[in-house]
Amino acid sequence: IVRGKGNKERIVFVPNEELQAVFRQY
């Protein structure tokens, strides 16, 4: 969940499985 300009929220996806695994561990 990302808060952009004007504090507007949007959902941003992380599509790469290898990156997801590293990000999940972090």
mmCIF file of all heavy atoms, coordinates in Angstrom:
data_MODEL
# 
_entry.id   MODEL 
# 
loop_
_atom_site.group_PDB 
_atom_site.id 
_atom_site.type_symbol 
_atom_site.label_atom_id 
_atom_site.label_alt_id 
_atom_site.label_comp_id 
_atom_site.label_asym_id 
_atom_site.label_entity_id 
_atom_site.label_seq_id 
_atom_site.pdbx_PDB_ins_code 
_atom_site.Cartn_x 
_atom_site.Cartn_y 
_atom_site.Cartn_z 
_atom_site.occupancy 
_atom_site.B_iso_or_equiv 
_atom_site.pdbx_formal_charge 
_atom_site.auth_seq_id 
_atom_site.auth_comp_id 
_atom_site.auth_asym_id 
_atom_site.auth_atom_id 
_atom_site.pdbx_PDB_model_num 
ATOM 1   N N   . ILE A 1 1  ? 0.865  -1.174  0.000   1.00 0.00 ? 1  ILE A N   1 
ATOM 2   C CA  . ILE A 1 1  ? 0.000  0.000   0.000   1.00 0.00 ? 1  ILE A CA  1 
ATOM 3   C C   . ILE A 1 1  ? 0.904  1.226   0.000   1.00 0.00 ? 1  ILE A C   1 
ATOM 4   O O   . ILE A 1 1  ? 1.711  1.409   0.906   1.00 0.00 ? 1  ILE A O   1 
ATOM 5   C CB  . ILE A 1 1  ? -0.922 0.018   1.224   1.00 0.00 ? 1  ILE A CB  1 
ATOM 6   C CG1 . ILE A 1 1  ? -1.874 -1.181  1.198   1.00 0.00 ? 1  ILE A CG1 1 
ATOM 7   C CG2 . ILE A 1 1  ? -1.722 1.317   1.271   1.00 0.00 ? 1  ILE A CG2 1 
ATOM 8   C CD1 . ILE A 1 1  ? -2.750 -1.296  2.422   1.00 0.00 ? 1  ILE A CD1 1 
ATOM 9   N N   . VAL A 1 2  ? 0.783  2.038   -1.042  1.00 0.00 ? 2  VAL A N   1 
ATOM 10  C CA  . VAL A 1 2  ? 1.657  3.185   -1.234  1.00 0.00 ? 2  VAL A CA  1 
ATOM 11  C C   . VAL A 1 2  ? 0.854  4.469   -1.104  1.00 0.00 ? 2  VAL A C   1 
ATOM 12  O O   . VAL A 1 2  ? -0.276 4.552   -1.583  1.00 0.00 ? 2  VAL A O   1 
ATOM 13  C CB  . VAL A 1 2  ? 2.324  3.117   -2.635  1.00 0.00 ? 2  VAL A CB  1 
ATOM 14  C CG1 . VAL A 1 2  ? 3.112  4.382   -2.916  1.00 0.00 ? 2  VAL A CG1 1 
ATOM 15  C CG2 . VAL A 1 2  ? 3.228  1.897   -2.715  1.00 0.00 ? 2  VAL A CG2 1 
ATOM 16  N N   . ARG A 1 3  ? 1.439  5.447   -0.427  1.00 0.00 ? 3  ARG A N   1 
ATOM 17  C CA  . ARG A 1 3  ? 0.806  6.759   -0.304  1.00 0.00 ? 3  ARG A CA  1 
ATOM 18  C C   . ARG A 1 3  ? 1.535  7.738   -1.207  1.00 0.00 ? 3  ARG A C   1 
ATOM 19  O O   . ARG A 1 3  ? 2.689  8.063   -0.977  1.00 0.00 ? 3  ARG A O   1 
ATOM 20  C CB  . ARG A 1 3  ? 0.828  7.230   1.152   1.00 0.00 ? 3  ARG A CB  1 
ATOM 21  C CG  . ARG A 1 3  ? -0.082 6.390   2.048   1.00 0.00 ? 3  ARG A CG  1 
ATOM 22  C CD  . ARG A 1 3  ? 0.258  6.471   3.516   1.00 0.00 ? 3  ARG A CD  1 
ATOM 23  N NE  . ARG A 1 3  ? -0.498 5.454   4.262   1.00 0.00 ? 3  ARG A NE  1 
ATOM 24  C CZ  . ARG A 1 3  ? -0.106 4.199   4.388   1.00 0.00 ? 3  ARG A CZ  1 
ATOM 25  N NH1 . ARG A 1 3  ? 1.026  3.800   3.837   1.00 0.00 ? 3  ARG A NH1 1 
ATOM 26  N NH2 . ARG A 1 3  ? -0.846 3.330   5.056   1.00 0.00 ? 3  ARG A NH2 1 
ATOM 27  N N   . GLY A 1 4  ? 0.814  8.204   -2.234  1.00 0.00 ? 4  GLY A N   1 
ATOM 28  C CA  . GLY A 1 4  ? 1.415  9.084   -3.212  1.00 0.00 ? 4  GLY A CA  1 
ATOM 29  C C   . GLY A 1 4  ? 1.133  10.542  -2.937  1.00 0.00 ? 4  GLY A C   1 
ATOM 30  O O   . GLY A 1 4  ? 0.915  10.951  -1.792  1.00 0.00 ? 4  GLY A O   1 
ATOM 31  N N   . LYS A 1 5  ? 1.113  11.341  -3.988  1.00 0.00 ? 5  LYS A N   1 
ATOM 32  C CA  . LYS A 1 5  ? 0.869  12.770  -3.849  1.00 0.00 ? 5  LYS A CA  1 
ATOM 33  C C   . LYS A 1 5  ? -0.520 13.010  -3.279  1.00 0.00 ? 5  LYS A C   1 
ATOM 34  O O   . LYS A 1 5  ? -1.478 12.324  -3.625  1.00 0.00 ? 5  LYS A O   1 
ATOM 35  C CB  . LYS A 1 5  ? 1.001  13.457  -5.209  1.00 0.00 ? 5  LYS A CB  1 
ATOM 36  C CG  . LYS A 1 5  ? 2.437  13.514  -5.715  1.00 0.00 ? 5  LYS A CG  1 
ATOM 37  C CD  . LYS A 1 5  ? 2.526  14.325  -6.989  1.00 0.00 ? 5  LYS A CD  1 
ATOM 38  C CE  . LYS A 1 5  ? 3.981  14.474  -7.440  1.00 0.00 ? 5  LYS A CE  1 
ATOM 39  N NZ  . LYS A 1 5  ? 4.093  15.282  -8.673  1.00 0.00 ? 5  LYS A NZ  1 
ATOM 40  N N   . GLY A 1 6  ? -0.601 14.003  -2.397  1.00 0.00 ? 6  GLY A N   1 
ATOM 41  C CA  . GLY A 1 6  ? -1.876 14.283  -1.761  1.00 0.00 ? 6  GLY A CA  1 
ATOM 42  C C   . GLY A 1 6  ? -2.297 13.194  -0.791  1.00 0.00 ? 6  GLY A C   1 
ATOM 43  O O   . GLY A 1 6  ? -3.471 13.091  -0.423  1.00 0.00 ? 6  GLY A O   1 
ATOM 44  N N   . ASN A 1 7  ? -1.331 12.352  -0.381  1.00 0.00 ? 7  ASN A N   1 
ATOM 45  C CA  . ASN A 1 7  ? -1.584 11.255  0.562   1.00 0.00 ? 7  ASN A CA  1 
ATOM 46  C C   . ASN A 1 7  ? -2.604 10.254  0.020   1.00 0.00 ? 7  ASN A C   1 
ATOM 47  O O   . ASN A 1 7  ? -3.295 9.577   0.778   1.00 0.00 ? 7  ASN A O   1 
ATOM 48  C CB  . ASN A 1 7  ? -2.069 11.798  1.914   1.00 0.00 ? 7  ASN A CB  1 
ATOM 49  C CG  . ASN A 1 7  ? -1.734 10.852  3.060   1.00 0.00 ? 7  ASN A CG  1 
ATOM 50  O OD1 . ASN A 1 7  ? -0.729 10.138  3.027   1.00 0.00 ? 7  ASN A OD1 1 
ATOM 51  N ND2 . ASN A 1 7  ? -2.587 10.810  4.065   1.00 0.00 ? 7  ASN A ND2 1 
ATOM 52  N N   . LYS A 1 8  ? -2.705 10.160  -1.306  1.00 0.00 ? 8  LYS A N   1 
ATOM 53  C CA  . LYS A 1 8  ? -3.622 9.205   -1.922  1.00 0.00 ? 8  LYS A CA  1 
ATOM 54  C C   . LYS A 1 8  ? -3.005 7.817   -1.908  1.00 0.00 ? 8  LYS A C   1 
ATOM 55  O O   . LYS A 1 8  ? -1.846 7.640   -2.250  1.00 0.00 ? 8  LYS A O   1 
ATOM 56  C CB  . LYS A 1 8  ? -3.937 9.626   -3.361  1.00 0.00 ? 8  LYS A CB  1 
ATOM 57  C CG  . LYS A 1 8  ? -4.719 10.927  -3.466  1.00 0.00 ? 8  LYS A CG  1 
ATOM 58  C CD  . LYS A 1 8  ? -4.987 11.282  -4.920  1.00 0.00 ? 8  LYS A CD  1 
ATOM 59  C CE  . LYS A 1 8  ? -5.767 12.584  -5.029  1.00 0.00 ? 8  LYS A CE  1 
ATOM 60  N NZ  . LYS A 1 8  ? -6.001 12.982  -6.442  1.00 0.00 ? 8  LYS A NZ  1 
ATOM 61  N N   . GLU A 1 9  ? -3.805 6.835   -1.508  1.00 0.00 ? 9  GLU A N   1 
ATOM 62  C CA  . GLU A 1 9  ? -3.315 5.468   -1.422  1.00 0.00 ? 9  GLU A CA  1 
ATOM 63  C C   . GLU A 1 9  ? -3.588 4.708   -2.716  1.00 0.00 ? 9  GLU A C   1 
ATOM 64  O O   . GLU A 1 9  ? -4.592 4.920   -3.377  1.00 0.00 ? 9  GLU A O   1 
ATOM 65  C CB  . GLU A 1 9  ? -3.980 4.728   -0.256  1.00 0.00 ? 9  GLU A CB  1 
ATOM 66  C CG  . GLU A 1 9  ? -3.532 5.184   1.115   1.00 0.00 ? 9  GLU A CG  1 
ATOM 67  C CD  . GLU A 1 9  ? -4.087 4.294   2.215   1.00 0.00 ? 9  GLU A CD  1 
ATOM 68  O OE1 . GLU A 1 9  ? -4.878 3.375   1.893   1.00 0.00 ? 9  GLU A OE1 1 
ATOM 69  O OE2 . GLU A 1 9  ? -3.734 4.515   3.385   1.00 0.00 ? 9  GLU A OE2 1 
ATOM 70  N N   . ARG A 1 10 ? -2.658 3.824   -3.069  1.00 0.00 ? 10 ARG A N   1 
ATOM 71  C CA  . ARG A 1 10 ? -2.886 2.908   -4.179  1.00 0.00 ? 10 ARG A CA  1 
ATOM 72  C C   . ARG A 1 10 ? -2.146 1.611   -3.877  1.00 0.00 ? 10 ARG A C   1 
ATOM 73  O O   . ARG A 1 10 ? -1.228 1.592   -3.048  1.00 0.00 ? 10 ARG A O   1 
ATOM 74  C CB  . ARG A 1 10 ? -2.408 3.498   -5.500  1.00 0.00 ? 10 ARG A CB  1 
ATOM 75  C CG  . ARG A 1 10 ? -0.909 3.643   -5.668  1.00 0.00 ? 10 ARG A CG  1 
ATOM 76  C CD  . ARG A 1 10 ? -0.569 4.302   -7.007  1.00 0.00 ? 10 ARG A CD  1 
ATOM 77  N NE  . ARG A 1 10 ? 0.845  4.297   -7.322  1.00 0.00 ? 10 ARG A NE  1 
ATOM 78  C CZ  . ARG A 1 10 ? 1.727  5.169   -6.860  1.00 0.00 ? 10 ARG A CZ  1 
ATOM 79  N NH1 . ARG A 1 10 ? 1.328  6.136   -6.046  1.00 0.00 ? 10 ARG A NH1 1 
ATOM 80  N NH2 . ARG A 1 10 ? 2.998  5.096   -7.203  1.00 0.00 ? 10 ARG A NH2 1 
ATOM 81  N N   . ILE A 1 11 ? -2.552 0.551   -4.540  1.00 0.00 ? 11 ILE A N   1 
ATOM 82  C CA  . ILE A 1 11 ? -1.893 -0.743  -4.382  1.00 0.00 ? 11 ILE A CA  1 
ATOM 83  C C   . ILE A 1 11 ? -0.886 -0.915  -5.505  1.00 0.00 ? 11 ILE A C   1 
ATOM 84  O O   . ILE A 1 11 ? -1.198 -0.691  -6.679  1.00 0.00 ? 11 ILE A O   1 
ATOM 85  C CB  . ILE A 1 11 ? -2.912 -1.893  -4.402  1.00 0.00 ? 11 ILE A CB  1 
ATOM 86  C CG1 . ILE A 1 11 ? -3.820 -1.814  -3.174  1.00 0.00 ? 11 ILE A CG1 1 
ATOM 87  C CG2 . ILE A 1 11 ? -2.195 -3.238  -4.446  1.00 0.00 ? 11 ILE A CG2 1 
ATOM 88  C CD1 . ILE A 1 11 ? -4.895 -2.869  -3.138  1.00 0.00 ? 11 ILE A CD1 1 
ATOM 89  N N   . VAL A 1 12 ? 0.336  -1.293  -5.142  1.00 0.00 ? 12 VAL A N   1 
ATOM 90  C CA  . VAL A 1 12 ? 1.398  -1.521  -6.113  1.00 0.00 ? 12 VAL A CA  1 
ATOM 91  C C   . VAL A 1 12 ? 1.879  -2.954  -5.960  1.00 0.00 ? 12 VAL A C   1 
ATOM 92  O O   . VAL A 1 12 ? 2.093  -3.433  -4.839  1.00 0.00 ? 12 VAL A O   1 
ATOM 93  C CB  . VAL A 1 12 ? 2.568  -0.530  -5.886  1.00 0.00 ? 12 VAL A CB  1 
ATOM 94  C CG1 . VAL A 1 12 ? 3.750  -0.864  -6.788  1.00 0.00 ? 12 VAL A CG1 1 
ATOM 95  C CG2 . VAL A 1 12 ? 2.108  0.898   -6.150  1.00 0.00 ? 12 VAL A CG2 1 
ATOM 96  N N   . PHE A 1 13 ? 2.057  -3.641  -7.083  1.00 0.00 ? 13 PHE A N   1 
ATOM 97  C CA  . PHE A 1 13 ? 2.417  -5.051  -7.060  1.00 0.00 ? 13 PHE A CA  1 
ATOM 98  C C   . PHE A 1 13 ? 3.897  -5.278  -7.322  1.00 0.00 ? 13 PHE A C   1 
ATOM 99  O O   . PHE A 1 13 ? 4.543  -4.506  -8.035  1.00 0.00 ? 13 PHE A O   1 
ATOM 100 C CB  . PHE A 1 13 ? 1.592  -5.812  -8.109  1.00 0.00 ? 13 PHE A CB  1 
ATOM 101 C CG  . PHE A 1 13 ? 0.114  -5.720  -7.870  1.00 0.00 ? 13 PHE A CG  1 
ATOM 102 C CD1 . PHE A 1 13 ? -0.675 -4.878  -8.641  1.00 0.00 ? 13 PHE A CD1 1 
ATOM 103 C CD2 . PHE A 1 13 ? -0.487 -6.438  -6.852  1.00 0.00 ? 13 PHE A CD2 1 
ATOM 104 C CE1 . PHE A 1 13 ? -2.035 -4.772  -8.416  1.00 0.00 ? 13 PHE A CE1 1 
ATOM 105 C CE2 . PHE A 1 13 ? -1.846 -6.337  -6.619  1.00 0.00 ? 13 PHE A CE2 1 
ATOM 106 C CZ  . PHE A 1 13 ? -2.620 -5.503  -7.403  1.00 0.00 ? 13 PHE A CZ  1 
ATOM 107 N N   . VAL A 1 14 ? 4.408  -6.368  -6.735  1.00 0.00 ? 14 VAL A N   1 
ATOM 108 C CA  . VAL A 1 14 ? 5.788  -6.810  -6.961  1.00 0.00 ? 14 VAL A CA  1 
ATOM 109 C C   . VAL A 1 14 ? 5.688  -8.137  -7.698  1.00 0.00 ? 14 VAL A C   1 
ATOM 110 O O   . VAL A 1 14 ? 5.456  -9.176  -7.080  1.00 0.00 ? 14 VAL A O   1 
ATOM 111 C CB  . VAL A 1 14 ? 6.551  -6.980  -5.630  1.00 0.00 ? 14 VAL A CB  1 
ATOM 112 C CG1 . VAL A 1 14 ? 7.992  -7.418  -5.886  1.00 0.00 ? 14 VAL A CG1 1 
ATOM 113 C CG2 . VAL A 1 14 ? 6.513  -5.694  -4.821  1.00 0.00 ? 14 VAL A CG2 1 
ATOM 114 N N   . PRO A 1 15 ? 5.832  -8.152  -9.029  1.00 0.00 ? 15 PRO A N   1 
ATOM 115 C CA  . PRO A 1 15 ? 5.485  -9.336  -9.807  1.00 0.00 ? 15 PRO A CA  1 
ATOM 116 C C   . PRO A 1 15 ? 6.538  -10.434 -9.882  1.00 0.00 ? 15 PRO A C   1 
ATOM 117 O O   . PRO A 1 15 ? 6.213  -11.573 -10.169 1.00 0.00 ? 15 PRO A O   1 
ATOM 118 C CB  . PRO A 1 15 ? 5.235  -8.752  -11.212 1.00 0.00 ? 15 PRO A CB  1 
ATOM 119 C CG  . PRO A 1 15 ? 6.108  -7.546  -11.262 1.00 0.00 ? 15 PRO A CG  1 
ATOM 120 C CD  . PRO A 1 15 ? 6.127  -6.987  -9.881  1.00 0.00 ? 15 PRO A CD  1 
ATOM 121 N N   . ASN A 1 16 ? 7.790  -10.134 -9.658  1.00 0.00 ? 16 ASN A N   1 
ATOM 122 C CA  . ASN A 1 16 ? 8.859  -11.111 -9.837  1.00 0.00 ? 16 ASN A CA  1 
ATOM 123 C C   . ASN A 1 16 ? 8.996  -12.017 -8.618  1.00 0.00 ? 16 ASN A C   1 
ATOM 124 O O   . ASN A 1 16 ? 9.196  -11.543 -7.498  1.00 0.00 ? 16 ASN A O   1 
ATOM 125 C CB  . ASN A 1 16 ? 10.177 -10.361 -10.104 1.00 0.00 ? 16 ASN A CB  1 
ATOM 126 C CG  . ASN A 1 16 ? 11.336 -11.300 -10.338 1.00 0.00 ? 16 ASN A CG  1 
ATOM 127 O OD1 . ASN A 1 16 ? 11.998 -11.704 -9.385  1.00 0.00 ? 16 ASN A OD1 1 
ATOM 128 N ND2 . ASN A 1 16 ? 11.584 -11.648 -11.588 1.00 0.00 ? 16 ASN A ND2 1 
ATOM 129 N N   . GLU A 1 17 ? 8.914  -13.332 -8.808  1.00 0.00 ? 17 GLU A N   1 
ATOM 130 C CA  . GLU A 1 17 ? 8.908  -14.275 -7.681  1.00 0.00 ? 17 GLU A CA  1 
ATOM 131 C C   . GLU A 1 17 ? 10.225 -14.263 -6.914  1.00 0.00 ? 17 GLU A C   1 
ATOM 132 O O   . GLU A 1 17 ? 10.240 -14.352 -5.679  1.00 0.00 ? 17 GLU A O   1 
ATOM 133 C CB  . GLU A 1 17 ? 8.600  -15.693 -8.191  1.00 0.00 ? 17 GLU A CB  1 
ATOM 134 C CG  . GLU A 1 17 ? 7.166  -15.862 -8.691  1.00 0.00 ? 17 GLU A CG  1 
ATOM 135 C CD  . GLU A 1 17 ? 6.873  -17.295 -9.066  1.00 0.00 ? 17 GLU A CD  1 
ATOM 136 O OE1 . GLU A 1 17 ? 7.774  -18.162 -8.908  1.00 0.00 ? 17 GLU A OE1 1 
ATOM 137 O OE2 . GLU A 1 17 ? 5.738  -17.565 -9.516  1.00 0.00 ? 17 GLU A OE2 1 
ATOM 138 N N   . GLU A 1 18 ? 11.330 -14.164 -7.644  1.00 0.00 ? 18 GLU A N   1 
ATOM 139 C CA  . GLU A 1 18 ? 12.635 -14.129 -6.974  1.00 0.00 ? 18 GLU A CA  1 
ATOM 140 C C   . GLU A 1 18 ? 12.763 -12.874 -6.119  1.00 0.00 ? 18 GLU A C   1 
ATOM 141 O O   . GLU A 1 18 ? 13.236 -12.938 -4.979  1.00 0.00 ? 18 GLU A O   1 
ATOM 142 C CB  . GLU A 1 18 ? 13.745 -14.167 -8.025  1.00 0.00 ? 18 GLU A CB  1 
ATOM 143 C CG  . GLU A 1 18 ? 15.148 -14.203 -7.431  1.00 0.00 ? 18 GLU A CG  1 
ATOM 144 C CD  . GLU A 1 18 ? 16.215 -14.284 -8.509  1.00 0.00 ? 18 GLU A CD  1 
ATOM 145 O OE1 . GLU A 1 18 ? 15.915 -14.799 -9.607  1.00 0.00 ? 18 GLU A OE1 1 
ATOM 146 O OE2 . GLU A 1 18 ? 17.342 -13.821 -8.245  1.00 0.00 ? 18 GLU A OE2 1 
ATOM 147 N N   . LEU A 1 19 ? 12.316 -11.754 -6.655  1.00 0.00 ? 19 LEU A N   1 
ATOM 148 C CA  . LEU A 1 19 ? 12.350 -10.503 -5.888  1.00 0.00 ? 19 LEU A CA  1 
ATOM 149 C C   . LEU A 1 19 ? 11.397 -10.593 -4.700  1.00 0.00 ? 19 LEU A C   1 
ATOM 150 O O   . LEU A 1 19 ? 11.723 -10.121 -3.606  1.00 0.00 ? 19 LEU A O   1 
ATOM 151 C CB  . LEU A 1 19 ? 11.972 -9.329  -6.790  1.00 0.00 ? 19 LEU A CB  1 
ATOM 152 C CG  . LEU A 1 19 ? 11.887 -7.955  -6.112  1.00 0.00 ? 19 LEU A CG  1 
ATOM 153 C CD1 . LEU A 1 19 ? 13.210 -7.594  -5.435  1.00 0.00 ? 19 LEU A CD1 1 
ATOM 154 C CD2 . LEU A 1 19 ? 11.497 -6.884  -7.129  1.00 0.00 ? 19 LEU A CD2 1 
ATOM 155 N N   . GLN A 1 20 ? 10.238 -11.194 -4.895  1.00 0.00 ? 20 GLN A N   1 
ATOM 156 C CA  . GLN A 1 20 ? 9.284  -11.358 -3.798  1.00 0.00 ? 20 GLN A CA  1 
ATOM 157 C C   . GLN A 1 20 ? 9.913  -12.123 -2.642  1.00 0.00 ? 20 GLN A C   1 
ATOM 158 O O   . GLN A 1 20 ? 9.728  -11.771 -1.469  1.00 0.00 ? 20 GLN A O   1 
ATOM 159 C CB  . GLN A 1 20 ? 8.039  -12.103 -4.280  1.00 0.00 ? 20 GLN A CB  1 
ATOM 160 C CG  . GLN A 1 20 ? 7.073  -11.281 -5.112  1.00 0.00 ? 20 GLN A CG  1 
ATOM 161 C CD  . GLN A 1 20 ? 5.889  -12.097 -5.583  1.00 0.00 ? 20 GLN A CD  1 
ATOM 162 O OE1 . GLN A 1 20 ? 5.623  -13.183 -5.052  1.00 0.00 ? 20 GLN A OE1 1 
ATOM 163 N NE2 . GLN A 1 20 ? 5.178  -11.607 -6.578  1.00 0.00 ? 20 GLN A NE2 1 
ATOM 164 N N   . ALA A 1 21 ? 10.665 -13.170 -2.966  1.00 0.00 ? 21 ALA A N   1 
ATOM 165 C CA  . ALA A 1 21 ? 11.281 -13.995 -1.919  1.00 0.00 ? 21 ALA A CA  1 
ATOM 166 C C   . ALA A 1 21 ? 12.289 -13.180 -1.108  1.00 0.00 ? 21 ALA A C   1 
ATOM 167 O O   . ALA A 1 21 ? 12.311 -13.251 0.131   1.00 0.00 ? 21 ALA A O   1 
ATOM 168 C CB  . ALA A 1 21 ? 11.959 -15.212 -2.551  1.00 0.00 ? 21 ALA A CB  1 
ATOM 169 N N   . VAL A 1 22 ? 13.118 -12.399 -1.801  1.00 0.00 ? 22 VAL A N   1 
ATOM 170 C CA  . VAL A 1 22 ? 14.107 -11.566 -1.111  1.00 0.00 ? 22 VAL A CA  1 
ATOM 171 C C   . VAL A 1 22 ? 13.404 -10.493 -0.281  1.00 0.00 ? 22 VAL A C   1 
ATOM 172 O O   . VAL A 1 22 ? 13.770 -10.236 0.875   1.00 0.00 ? 22 VAL A O   1 
ATOM 173 C CB  . VAL A 1 22 ? 15.066 -10.902 -2.131  1.00 0.00 ? 22 VAL A CB  1 
ATOM 174 C CG1 . VAL A 1 22 ? 16.004 -9.929  -1.428  1.00 0.00 ? 22 VAL A CG1 1 
ATOM 175 C CG2 . VAL A 1 22 ? 15.855 -11.968 -2.874  1.00 0.00 ? 22 VAL A CG2 1 
ATOM 176 N N   . PHE A 1 23 ? 12.396 -9.879  -0.876  1.00 0.00 ? 23 PHE A N   1 
ATOM 177 C CA  . PHE A 1 23 ? 11.648 -8.813  -0.211  1.00 0.00 ? 23 PHE A CA  1 
ATOM 178 C C   . PHE A 1 23 ? 10.905 -9.370  1.007   1.00 0.00 ? 23 PHE A C   1 
ATOM 179 O O   . PHE A 1 23 ? 10.867 -8.742  2.071   1.00 0.00 ? 23 PHE A O   1 
ATOM 180 C CB  . PHE A 1 23 ? 10.670 -8.199  -1.209  1.00 0.00 ? 23 PHE A CB  1 
ATOM 181 C CG  . PHE A 1 23 ? 10.057 -6.889  -0.769  1.00 0.00 ? 23 PHE A CG  1 
ATOM 182 C CD1 . PHE A 1 23 ? 10.715 -6.032  0.106   1.00 0.00 ? 23 PHE A CD1 1 
ATOM 183 C CD2 . PHE A 1 23 ? 8.800  -6.501  -1.249  1.00 0.00 ? 23 PHE A CD2 1 
ATOM 184 C CE1 . PHE A 1 23 ? 10.157 -4.826  0.490   1.00 0.00 ? 23 PHE A CE1 1 
ATOM 185 C CE2 . PHE A 1 23 ? 8.231  -5.298  -0.864  1.00 0.00 ? 23 PHE A CE2 1 
ATOM 186 C CZ  . PHE A 1 23 ? 8.898  -4.463  0.008   1.00 0.00 ? 23 PHE A CZ  1 
ATOM 187 N N   . ARG A 1 24 ? 10.354 -10.557 0.867   1.00 0.00 ? 24 ARG A N   1 
ATOM 188 C CA  . ARG A 1 24 ? 9.615  -11.190 1.961   1.00 0.00 ? 24 ARG A CA  1 
ATOM 189 C C   . ARG A 1 24 ? 10.535 -11.475 3.144   1.00 0.00 ? 24 ARG A C   1 
ATOM 190 O O   . ARG A 1 24 ? 10.178 -11.231 4.304   1.00 0.00 ? 24 ARG A O   1 
ATOM 191 C CB  . ARG A 1 24 ? 8.969  -12.482 1.455   1.00 0.00 ? 24 ARG A CB  1 
ATOM 192 C CG  . ARG A 1 24 ? 8.104  -13.201 2.467   1.00 0.00 ? 24 ARG A CG  1 
ATOM 193 C CD  . ARG A 1 24 ? 7.211  -14.236 1.806   1.00 0.00 ? 24 ARG A CD  1 
ATOM 194 N NE  . ARG A 1 24 ? 7.937  -15.191 0.995   1.00 0.00 ? 24 ARG A NE  1 
ATOM 195 C CZ  . ARG A 1 24 ? 7.870  -15.279 -0.332  1.00 0.00 ? 24 ARG A CZ  1 
ATOM 196 N NH1 . ARG A 1 24 ? 7.109  -14.437 -1.020  1.00 0.00 ? 24 ARG A NH1 1 
ATOM 197 N NH2 . ARG A 1 24 ? 8.561  -16.192 -0.990  1.00 0.00 ? 24 ARG A NH2 1 
ATOM 198 N N   . GLN A 1 25 ? 11.742 -11.971 2.850   1.00 0.00 ? 25 GLN A N   1 
ATOM 199 C CA  . GLN A 1 25 ? 12.695 -12.253 3.922   1.00 0.00 ? 25 GLN A CA  1 
ATOM 200 C C   . GLN A 1 25 ? 13.140 -10.970 4.597   1.00 0.00 ? 25 GLN A C   1 
ATOM 201 O O   . GLN A 1 25 ? 13.270 -10.909 5.828   1.00 0.00 ? 25 GLN A O   1 
ATOM 202 C CB  . GLN A 1 25 ? 13.910 -12.990 3.352   1.00 0.00 ? 25 GLN A CB  1 
ATOM 203 C CG  . GLN A 1 25 ? 14.924 -13.422 4.405   1.00 0.00 ? 25 GLN A CG  1 
ATOM 204 C CD  . GLN A 1 25 ? 14.313 -14.359 5.431   1.00 0.00 ? 25 GLN A CD  1 
ATOM 205 O OE1 . GLN A 1 25 ? 13.747 -15.406 5.076   1.00 0.00 ? 25 GLN A OE1 1 
ATOM 206 N NE2 . GLN A 1 25 ? 14.399 -14.005 6.720   1.00 0.00 ? 25 GLN A NE2 1 
ATOM 207 N N   . TYR A 1 26 ? 13.366 -9.927  3.801   1.00 0.00 ? 26 TYR A N   1 
ATOM 208 C CA  . TYR A 1 26 ? 13.775 -8.644  4.369   1.00 0.00 ? 26 TYR A CA  1 
ATOM 209 C C   . TYR A 1 26 ? 12.700 -8.093  5.302   1.00 0.00 ? 26 TYR A C   1 
ATOM 210 O O   . TYR A 1 26 ? 12.998 -7.636  6.417   1.00 0.00 ? 26 TYR A O   1 
ATOM 211 C CB  . TYR A 1 26 ? 14.062 -7.637  3.248   1.00 0.00 ? 26 TYR A CB  1 
ATOM 212 C CG  . TYR A 1 26 ? 14.339 -6.241  3.771   1.00 0.00 ? 26 TYR A CG  1 
ATOM 213 C CD1 . TYR A 1 26 ? 15.602 -5.905  4.262   1.00 0.00 ? 26 TYR A CD1 1 
ATOM 214 C CD2 . TYR A 1 26 ? 13.335 -5.274  3.803   1.00 0.00 ? 26 TYR A CD2 1 
ATOM 215 C CE1 . TYR A 1 26 ? 15.858 -4.633  4.764   1.00 0.00 ? 26 TYR A CE1 1 
ATOM 216 C CE2 . TYR A 1 26 ? 13.589 -4.001  4.307   1.00 0.00 ? 26 TYR A CE2 1 
ATOM 217 C CZ  . TYR A 1 26 ? 14.840 -3.693  4.783   1.00 0.00 ? 26 TYR A CZ  1 
ATOM 218 O OH  . TYR A 1 26 ? 15.080 -2.442  5.293   1.00 0.00 ? 26 TYR A OH  1 
# 
